[in-house]
Amino acid sequence: GTKSNNFPPIKAGKDRKDPASYQEYAEFWKQLAMRYGTRTFTQDKLRVDTTPRWPNDTPNVKKSGLGAMDLDKGGVRIKFFEIGNEWDRWWDVGGANDAAYMKPAEHAALFVAAARAIKSVSDIEPVMGGITGFDMKYLKEFVETVEKLAPGEKLLKRLVLHHYSHLGNILGKWPPTWYNGGACMPSEDKNFASINQIVDYAKGLGMKVWVNEFGCDSEGPSWMHIEGSRYGMSDEEAQGKQIVETFKAYGMADVERAYSFMFANEPYGTGLWQRCGLVTSKPNYDPKPAYNAVLKLIQETGNTQKMAR
């Protein structure tokens, strides 16, 4: 009843460890898969919300098989669906929003329900919602529960995590203790080496690893503000250096994909995640030093297509 998407998509009183409890959420993903996959379906199988979002808005219409269309004719080729984001909201534990935190077994049940629905109608690969950090205990319980709930179904092929380099990070410790202005280079991050353990764990399971969020703010106050004076440069130059060094470090660690968070600054002022973009906020979207640093990395490595994805 909070109208917030920070809480698990489950009706009150349902068993949070049972995939069947997430049937409405699974149907949502099934509908997306039918729309953006390569198979076509009859109109009676499709569900859309036709409610106008603003005056004179064009109503949504039922479509399927958009992934089979040529891209130059409006096709949308989607290969992966990430099922939610940071369900392990550790900062809510013990507080008024305690129910927003999903335990590993609950997260696994949600993932199994959605993954089964997606795979029943498409070849789009379901990917677990990225967890907040290098939490090996949480990750192992999640993986083991998925296998128990869906033995032999091979729903899970990639492990997805987020990680922000900070001087307050401690090897193997999660959650972290962060403070303003503590963002740092991966070489200074005492917990960065944990990615090697996670990659080795994934390889033992025949899986790959993605890091779907990393980065820092080029202006404070913010936990993730990087202070360029420590490196003899401006804060914005330090942001670019941190992002480039992190891309390189994940490449060395054999991480399959890494994503800098995020492309554009927020337009709401300073604070956490407000100045972590590669470009300024709307309406101008001017390139920051971080943009040029990443562009240079792309040009030097020849990974233009890979980086663009």
Protein backbone atom coordinates (compact mmCIF):
# COMPACT_ATOMS: atom_id res chain seq x y z
CA GLY A 1 0.00 0.00 0.00
CA THR A 2 3.01 2.34 -0.06
CA LYS A 3 2.95 2.77 -3.85
CA SER A 4 6.71 2.21 -3.71
CA ASN A 5 8.64 -0.22 -5.91
CA ASN A 6 11.27 -0.59 -3.20
CA PHE A 7 9.27 -3.41 -1.64
CA PRO A 8 9.05 -6.98 -2.97
CA PRO A 9 6.19 -7.45 -5.48
CA ILE A 10 4.17 -9.86 -3.36
CA LYS A 11 0.73 -9.77 -1.76
CA ALA A 12 0.46 -9.54 2.02
CA GLY A 13 0.50 -12.88 3.83
CA LYS A 14 2.12 -14.84 0.99
CA ASP A 15 5.15 -17.08 1.59
CA ARG A 16 8.13 -15.04 0.42
CA LYS A 17 10.20 -18.20 -0.15
CA ASP A 18 7.70 -19.78 -2.57
CA PRO A 19 8.00 -18.93 -6.30
CA ALA A 20 4.22 -19.32 -6.64
CA SER A 21 3.77 -16.24 -4.44
CA TYR A 22 5.20 -14.04 -7.19
CA GLN A 23 2.79 -15.05 -9.96
CA GLU A 24 1.69 -11.48 -10.75
CA TYR A 25 5.29 -10.32 -10.99
CA ALA A 26 6.12 -13.32 -13.18
CA GLU A 27 3.23 -12.45 -15.49
CA PHE A 28 4.64 -8.93 -15.87
CA TRP A 29 7.97 -10.36 -17.09
CA LYS A 30 6.18 -12.87 -19.31
CA GLN A 31 4.32 -10.04 -21.04
CA LEU A 32 7.58 -8.12 -21.59
CA ALA A 33 9.18 -11.26 -23.03
CA MET A 34 6.29 -11.83 -25.43
CA ARG A 35 6.47 -8.21 -26.57
CA TYR A 36 10.24 -7.98 -27.03
CA GLY A 37 11.15 -11.58 -27.85
CA THR A 38 11.28 -13.11 -31.33
CA ARG A 39 8.08 -15.18 -31.15
CA THR A 40 4.65 -13.81 -32.02
CA PHE A 41 1.46 -14.45 -30.05
CA THR A 42 -2.24 -13.99 -30.65
CA GLN A 43 -3.84 -10.82 -29.28
CA ASP A 44 -5.80 -12.70 -26.61
CA LYS A 45 -2.51 -13.70 -24.94
CA LEU A 46 -1.24 -10.13 -24.63
CA ARG A 47 -1.94 -7.60 -21.89
CA VAL A 48 -1.13 -3.88 -21.99
CA ASP A 49 -2.14 -0.81 -20.01
CA THR A 50 -3.95 1.58 -22.34
CA THR A 51 -4.34 4.35 -19.74
CA PRO A 52 -3.09 7.68 -21.18
CA ARG A 53 -0.09 8.99 -19.23
CA TRP A 54 -0.81 12.63 -20.13
CA PRO A 55 -3.40 14.54 -22.24
CA ASN A 56 -3.44 13.37 -25.88
CA ASP A 57 -1.00 10.53 -25.12
CA THR A 58 -1.11 7.76 -27.74
CA PRO A 59 -2.60 4.68 -26.04
CA ASN A 60 -0.40 1.62 -25.74
CA VAL A 61 -1.28 -1.25 -28.09
CA LYS A 62 -0.71 -4.98 -28.03
CA LYS A 63 2.43 -6.13 -29.86
CA SER A 64 4.61 -9.21 -29.84
CA GLY A 65 7.73 -10.52 -31.56
CA LEU A 66 9.42 -7.11 -31.77
CA GLY A 67 12.77 -8.84 -31.43
CA ALA A 68 12.25 -10.54 -34.79
CA MET A 69 11.88 -7.26 -36.66
CA ASP A 70 14.81 -5.69 -38.48
CA LEU A 71 16.33 -3.06 -36.22
CA ASP A 72 16.01 -0.38 -38.91
CA LYS A 73 12.26 -1.06 -39.04
CA GLY A 74 11.64 -0.53 -35.36
CA GLY A 75 12.75 -3.88 -33.97
CA VAL A 76 14.10 -3.96 -30.43
CA ARG A 77 16.67 -6.72 -29.92
CA ILE A 78 16.83 -7.50 -26.21
CA LYS A 79 19.01 -10.40 -25.07
CA PHE A 80 18.74 -10.10 -21.30
CA PHE A 81 16.22 -9.09 -18.64
CA GLU A 82 17.64 -8.13 -15.23
CA ILE A 83 15.05 -9.13 -12.63
CA GLY A 84 14.86 -6.14 -10.34
CA ASN A 85 17.61 -4.25 -8.57
CA GLU A 86 19.27 -4.45 -5.14
CA TRP A 87 16.68 -6.59 -3.39
CA ASP A 88 19.23 -6.94 -0.57
CA ARG A 89 18.47 -3.50 0.87
CA TRP A 90 20.65 -3.87 3.99
CA TRP A 91 20.10 -0.25 5.03
CA ASP A 92 16.41 -1.01 5.67
CA VAL A 93 17.02 -3.96 8.01
CA GLY A 94 15.59 -3.33 11.47
CA GLY A 95 13.88 -0.08 10.47
CA ALA A 96 10.41 0.98 9.43
CA ASN A 97 11.00 -0.46 5.96
CA ASP A 98 12.46 -3.75 7.15
CA ALA A 99 10.15 -5.68 4.79
CA ALA A 100 11.91 -4.12 1.80
CA TYR A 101 14.96 -6.32 2.45
CA MET A 102 14.80 -9.68 0.70
CA LYS A 103 16.69 -12.56 2.25
CA PRO A 104 18.68 -14.69 -0.23
CA ALA A 105 16.05 -17.46 -0.26
CA GLU A 106 13.28 -14.92 -0.90
CA HIS A 107 15.25 -13.26 -3.69
CA ALA A 108 15.83 -16.72 -5.19
CA ALA A 109 12.12 -17.53 -5.17
CA LEU A 110 11.30 -14.25 -6.92
CA PHE A 111 14.00 -14.90 -9.52
CA VAL A 112 12.84 -18.46 -10.23
CA ALA A 113 9.25 -17.31 -10.76
CA ALA A 114 10.22 -14.55 -13.18
CA ALA A 115 12.89 -16.59 -14.98
CA ARG A 116 10.51 -19.47 -15.65
CA ALA A 117 7.92 -17.07 -17.05
CA ILE A 118 10.44 -15.41 -19.38
CA LYS A 119 11.87 -18.69 -20.66
CA SER A 120 8.40 -20.12 -21.29
CA VAL A 121 7.79 -17.64 -24.10
CA SER A 122 11.18 -16.40 -25.33
CA ASP A 123 14.91 -16.95 -25.68
CA ILE A 124 15.67 -13.80 -23.66
CA GLU A 125 17.98 -14.72 -20.79
CA PRO A 126 16.81 -13.81 -17.28
CA VAL A 127 19.59 -12.31 -15.16
CA MET A 128 19.48 -11.94 -11.38
CA GLY A 129 18.92 -8.46 -10.01
CA GLY A 130 22.29 -7.04 -9.01
CA ILE A 131 23.01 -7.22 -5.29
CA THR A 132 24.51 -4.26 -3.46
CA GLY A 133 28.10 -5.46 -3.09
CA PHE A 134 30.63 -8.26 -2.78
CA ASP A 135 28.52 -10.24 -0.30
CA MET A 136 29.69 -13.82 -0.84
CA LYS A 137 27.49 -15.24 1.92
CA TYR A 138 24.34 -13.76 0.39
CA LEU A 139 25.40 -14.78 -3.11
CA LYS A 140 26.07 -18.41 -2.21
CA GLU A 141 22.74 -18.85 -0.43
CA PHE A 142 20.94 -17.26 -3.36
CA VAL A 143 22.62 -19.57 -5.89
CA GLU A 144 22.07 -22.69 -3.77
CA THR A 145 18.39 -21.85 -3.25
CA VAL A 146 17.78 -21.27 -6.95
CA GLU A 147 19.18 -24.75 -7.64
CA LYS A 148 17.01 -26.29 -4.91
CA LEU A 149 13.86 -24.62 -6.21
CA ALA A 150 14.60 -25.35 -9.87
CA PRO A 151 16.99 -28.33 -10.06
CA GLY A 152 18.40 -28.91 -13.52
CA GLU A 153 16.52 -25.99 -15.09
CA LYS A 154 19.69 -23.87 -15.51
CA LEU A 155 17.84 -20.61 -14.98
CA LEU A 156 20.89 -18.84 -13.59
CA LYS A 157 23.93 -18.32 -15.82
CA ARG A 158 25.38 -15.05 -14.54
CA LEU A 159 26.07 -13.57 -11.12
CA VAL A 160 25.38 -9.84 -10.91
CA LEU A 161 26.80 -7.46 -8.33
CA HIS A 162 27.39 -3.78 -7.67
CA HIS A 163 30.53 -2.38 -6.09
CA TYR A 164 31.77 1.10 -5.24
CA SER A 165 35.43 1.64 -4.38
CA HIS A 166 35.83 3.52 -1.09
CA LEU A 167 38.61 4.00 1.42
CA GLY A 168 36.27 2.65 4.09
CA ASN A 169 35.91 -0.77 2.44
CA ILE A 170 37.35 -3.74 4.34
CA LEU A 171 38.34 -7.05 2.73
CA GLY A 172 35.49 -9.56 2.99
CA LYS A 173 33.28 -7.26 5.09
CA TRP A 174 29.75 -6.34 4.07
CA PRO A 175 27.88 -4.04 4.51
CA PRO A 176 30.47 -1.27 4.32
CA THR A 177 31.20 1.78 6.43
CA TRP A 178 31.31 4.78 4.12
CA TYR A 179 31.93 8.48 4.78
CA ASN A 180 31.83 11.64 2.70
CA GLY A 181 34.65 12.10 0.23
CA GLY A 182 35.96 8.55 0.54
CA ALA A 183 35.64 7.30 -3.05
CA CYS A 184 38.96 6.01 -4.33
CA MET A 185 40.81 4.15 -7.05
CA PRO A 186 40.29 0.37 -7.18
CA SER A 187 43.95 -0.08 -6.20
CA GLU A 188 43.20 1.66 -2.88
CA ASP A 189 40.00 -0.29 -2.24
CA LYS A 190 40.79 -2.93 0.40
CA ASN A 191 37.79 -5.03 -0.65
CA PHE A 192 38.30 -4.92 -4.43
CA ALA A 193 40.23 -8.19 -4.38
CA SER A 194 37.01 -9.99 -3.40
CA ILE A 195 35.99 -9.90 -7.05
CA ASN A 196 38.59 -12.61 -7.74
CA GLN A 197 36.94 -14.95 -5.22
CA ILE A 198 33.55 -14.30 -6.77
CA VAL A 199 34.80 -14.89 -10.33
CA ASP A 200 36.46 -18.14 -9.24
CA TYR A 201 33.24 -19.23 -7.52
CA ALA A 202 31.24 -18.44 -10.68
CA LYS A 203 33.69 -20.30 -12.92
CA GLY A 204 33.32 -23.38 -10.72
CA LEU A 205 29.59 -23.24 -11.45
CA GLY A 206 30.07 -22.61 -15.16
CA MET A 207 28.82 -19.02 -14.78
CA LYS A 208 29.99 -15.53 -15.70
CA VAL A 209 30.11 -12.38 -13.54
CA TRP A 210 28.75 -8.92 -14.25
CA VAL A 211 29.36 -5.79 -12.18
CA ASN A 212 26.36 -3.65 -13.11
CA GLU A 213 27.22 -0.58 -11.04
CA PHE A 214 30.43 1.19 -10.13
CA GLY A 215 31.62 4.78 -10.16
CA CYS A 216 31.95 7.94 -8.09
CA ASP A 217 30.67 11.50 -7.78
CA SER A 218 32.75 14.37 -9.13
CA GLU A 219 31.31 16.77 -6.55
CA GLY A 220 30.35 16.55 -2.88
CA PRO A 221 29.08 16.24 -0.31
CA SER A 222 28.65 12.55 -1.01
CA TRP A 223 29.90 9.22 0.27
CA MET A 224 31.06 8.57 -3.28
CA HIS A 225 32.69 11.94 -3.90
CA ILE A 226 36.27 11.43 -5.10
CA GLU A 227 38.66 14.17 -3.99
CA GLY A 228 41.08 14.85 -6.80
CA SER A 229 43.54 16.67 -4.54
CA ARG A 230 44.72 13.25 -3.32
CA TYR A 231 45.89 12.53 -6.86
CA GLY A 232 47.13 15.96 -7.88
CA MET A 233 44.19 16.67 -10.19
CA SER A 234 40.69 18.11 -10.20
CA ASP A 235 37.77 16.14 -8.81
CA GLU A 236 36.31 15.70 -12.31
CA GLU A 237 39.64 14.44 -13.66
CA ALA A 238 39.88 12.01 -10.74
CA GLN A 239 36.39 10.72 -11.53
CA GLY A 240 37.48 9.92 -15.08
CA LYS A 241 40.65 8.21 -13.88
CA GLN A 242 38.71 6.12 -11.34
CA ILE A 243 36.21 4.91 -13.93
CA VAL A 244 38.91 4.00 -16.46
CA GLU A 245 41.05 2.24 -13.85
CA THR A 246 38.00 0.29 -12.67
CA PHE A 247 37.10 -0.86 -16.19
CA LYS A 248 40.69 -2.08 -16.59
CA ALA A 249 40.68 -3.82 -13.20
CA TYR A 250 37.48 -5.72 -13.95
CA GLY A 251 38.88 -6.73 -17.31
CA MET A 252 41.96 -8.16 -15.57
CA ALA A 253 39.68 -10.01 -13.14
CA ASP A 254 37.82 -11.69 -16.05
CA VAL A 255 34.52 -9.98 -15.32
CA GLU A 256 32.38 -10.45 -18.44
CA ARG A 257 30.65 -7.05 -18.27
CA ALA A 258 31.02 -3.91 -16.16
CA TYR A 259 28.78 -0.85 -16.22
CA SER A 260 29.66 2.62 -14.95
CA PHE A 261 26.85 4.28 -13.00
CA MET A 262 25.75 6.44 -14.73
CA PHE A 263 25.73 8.28 -18.06
CA ALA A 264 24.34 11.70 -17.05
CA ASN A 265 24.40 13.73 -13.86
CA GLU A 266 21.12 14.16 -12.03
CA PRO A 267 19.63 17.68 -12.28
CA TYR A 268 18.78 17.94 -8.58
CA GLY A 269 21.93 19.48 -7.11
CA THR A 270 24.71 17.76 -5.22
CA GLY A 271 24.63 14.71 -2.98
CA LEU A 272 24.98 10.96 -3.34
CA TRP A 273 24.75 9.80 -6.98
CA GLN A 274 23.92 13.32 -8.21
CA ARG A 275 27.25 13.97 -9.95
CA CYS A 276 28.35 10.48 -11.02
CA GLY A 277 27.57 10.93 -14.72
CA LEU A 278 29.97 10.98 -17.66
CA VAL A 279 28.14 14.06 -18.93
CA THR A 280 26.36 16.97 -17.26
CA SER A 281 22.62 16.94 -16.57
CA LYS A 282 19.85 17.93 -18.96
CA PRO A 283 19.27 19.90 -21.06
CA ASN A 284 22.89 20.25 -22.23
CA TYR A 285 24.50 16.85 -21.48
CA ASP A 286 27.97 18.32 -21.99
CA PRO A 287 30.86 15.83 -21.87
CA LYS A 288 32.78 15.81 -18.58
CA PRO A 289 36.45 14.79 -18.29
CA ALA A 290 35.15 11.31 -17.39
CA TYR A 291 33.45 11.04 -20.78
CA ASN A 292 36.67 11.89 -22.60
CA ALA A 293 38.66 9.48 -20.43
CA VAL A 294 36.31 6.60 -21.24
CA LEU A 295 36.27 7.54 -24.93
CA LYS A 296 40.07 7.46 -24.96
CA LEU A 297 40.02 4.01 -23.35
CA ILE A 298 37.65 2.77 -26.05
CA GLN A 299 39.86 4.15 -28.79
CA GLU A 300 43.04 2.72 -27.29
CA THR A 301 41.63 -0.76 -26.77
CA GLY A 302 39.67 -0.97 -29.99
CA ASN A 303 36.63 -2.20 -28.05
CA THR A 304 34.25 0.29 -29.60
CA GLN A 305 31.35 -2.12 -30.09
CA LYS A 306 31.92 -3.92 -26.80
CA MET A 307 32.03 -0.69 -24.82
CA ALA A 308 28.99 0.70 -26.64
CA ARG A 309 26.95 -2.28 -25.51
